Protein backbone atom coordinates (compact mmCIF):
# COMPACT_ATOMS: atom_id res chain seq x y z
CA MET A 1 98.97 154.70 185.89
CA SER A 2 97.74 154.76 182.73
CA ASP A 3 97.78 157.92 180.62
CA ARG A 4 95.23 158.71 178.03
CA TYR A 5 97.72 160.90 175.97
CA ASN A 6 100.70 158.90 175.81
CA ASN A 7 100.08 157.20 172.07
CA THR A 8 100.25 161.05 170.78
CA SER A 9 103.08 160.19 167.87
CA ASN A 10 99.61 159.37 165.33
CA ILE A 11 98.60 163.54 165.64
CA TYR A 12 100.63 164.69 162.88
CA SER A 13 99.51 162.07 160.17
CA SER A 14 97.41 161.94 157.34
CA ILE A 15 94.53 161.12 160.02
CA LEU A 16 94.45 164.81 161.47
CA LYS A 17 91.83 166.08 159.41
CA GLU A 18 89.47 163.17 160.86
CA ASN A 19 90.38 163.71 164.07
CA ILE A 20 89.77 167.18 163.98
CA LYS A 21 86.37 166.37 162.77
CA GLY A 22 85.70 163.99 165.27
CA PHE A 23 85.38 167.15 167.78
CA ILE A 24 83.53 169.58 165.60
CA ASP A 25 80.33 168.42 164.17
CA GLU A 26 79.82 168.70 160.80
CA SER A 27 77.03 171.25 160.77
CA GLU A 28 79.47 173.48 162.44
CA ILE A 29 82.08 173.12 159.77
CA THR A 30 79.27 173.93 157.42
CA SER A 31 78.54 176.98 159.33
CA MET A 32 81.96 178.09 159.64
CA ARG A 33 82.17 177.98 155.54
CA ASN A 34 78.51 179.59 155.24
CA SER A 35 79.80 182.73 157.33
CA ALA A 36 83.38 182.74 156.13
CA THR A 37 84.76 185.51 154.08
CA THR A 38 87.55 185.08 151.43
CA GLY A 39 91.06 185.99 151.87
CA GLN A 40 93.89 185.45 149.78
CA VAL A 41 97.46 184.32 150.82
CA LEU A 42 99.73 187.39 150.87
CA HIS A 43 103.70 187.82 150.20
CA GLY A 44 105.38 186.95 153.00
CA MET A 45 102.52 184.36 154.55
CA ALA A 46 103.34 181.68 151.23
CA TYR A 47 103.71 178.26 153.40
CA ARG A 48 102.81 179.98 156.96
CA PRO A 49 99.29 179.50 158.03
CA ASP A 50 100.00 181.42 161.57
CA LYS A 51 100.98 184.35 159.40
CA VAL A 52 97.64 184.02 157.89
CA ALA A 53 95.68 183.33 161.03
CA GLU A 54 97.32 186.46 162.48
CA TYR A 55 96.82 188.59 159.59
CA TYR A 56 92.86 187.66 159.11
CA LEU A 57 92.22 186.42 162.75
CA GLY A 58 94.51 188.27 164.89
CA ASN A 59 95.81 185.07 166.65
CA SER A 60 98.21 182.63 165.00
CA ASN A 61 96.50 179.70 167.26
CA TYR A 62 93.56 179.60 164.89
CA ALA A 63 95.49 178.33 162.04
CA TRP A 64 93.67 175.23 161.84
CA LYS A 65 90.07 176.79 161.42
CA ILE A 66 91.42 177.90 158.30
CA SER A 67 92.93 174.67 157.30
CA LEU A 68 89.71 173.13 158.09
CA ILE A 69 86.91 175.28 156.52
CA ASN A 70 89.19 174.98 153.14
CA ASN A 71 89.83 171.35 153.27
CA PHE A 72 93.69 171.71 153.06
CA GLU A 73 94.99 168.26 153.32
CA ASN A 74 98.60 169.42 152.76
CA GLY A 75 99.68 170.59 155.38
CA ILE A 76 101.86 174.10 154.76
CA ARG A 77 101.79 173.49 150.95
CA ASP A 78 98.26 174.17 150.75
CA TYR A 79 99.26 177.83 151.70
CA TYR A 80 101.03 179.20 148.60
CA GLU A 81 101.23 182.54 147.66
CA GLY A 82 98.28 184.23 145.73
CA ARG A 83 95.91 181.16 146.93
CA SER A 84 91.89 182.01 147.55
CA ILE A 85 91.08 181.22 150.99
CA LEU A 86 87.77 181.26 152.60
CA ILE A 87 88.67 183.29 156.36
CA PRO A 88 86.39 182.04 159.31
CA ALA A 89 84.39 184.81 160.96
CA ASN A 90 86.09 185.64 164.34
């Protein structure tokens, strides 16, 4: 029996952004950006998207939303201390 999830080695590749956008319509991303507030990567949150999401959104599982609306393409390196970021509405 074939399992459609067998080929998961590319999930963390450089095309992750395209994969996410394949599931979310571009107009939905624009809407998220328009309703977003601004925040900042604070001391103790640098290079920790999970901590940023927990602090601003109350759930570390939403780190992908912050990365998506900010067009972050370098993973945790985009979360440096003092950086101004968009925070999606909850």
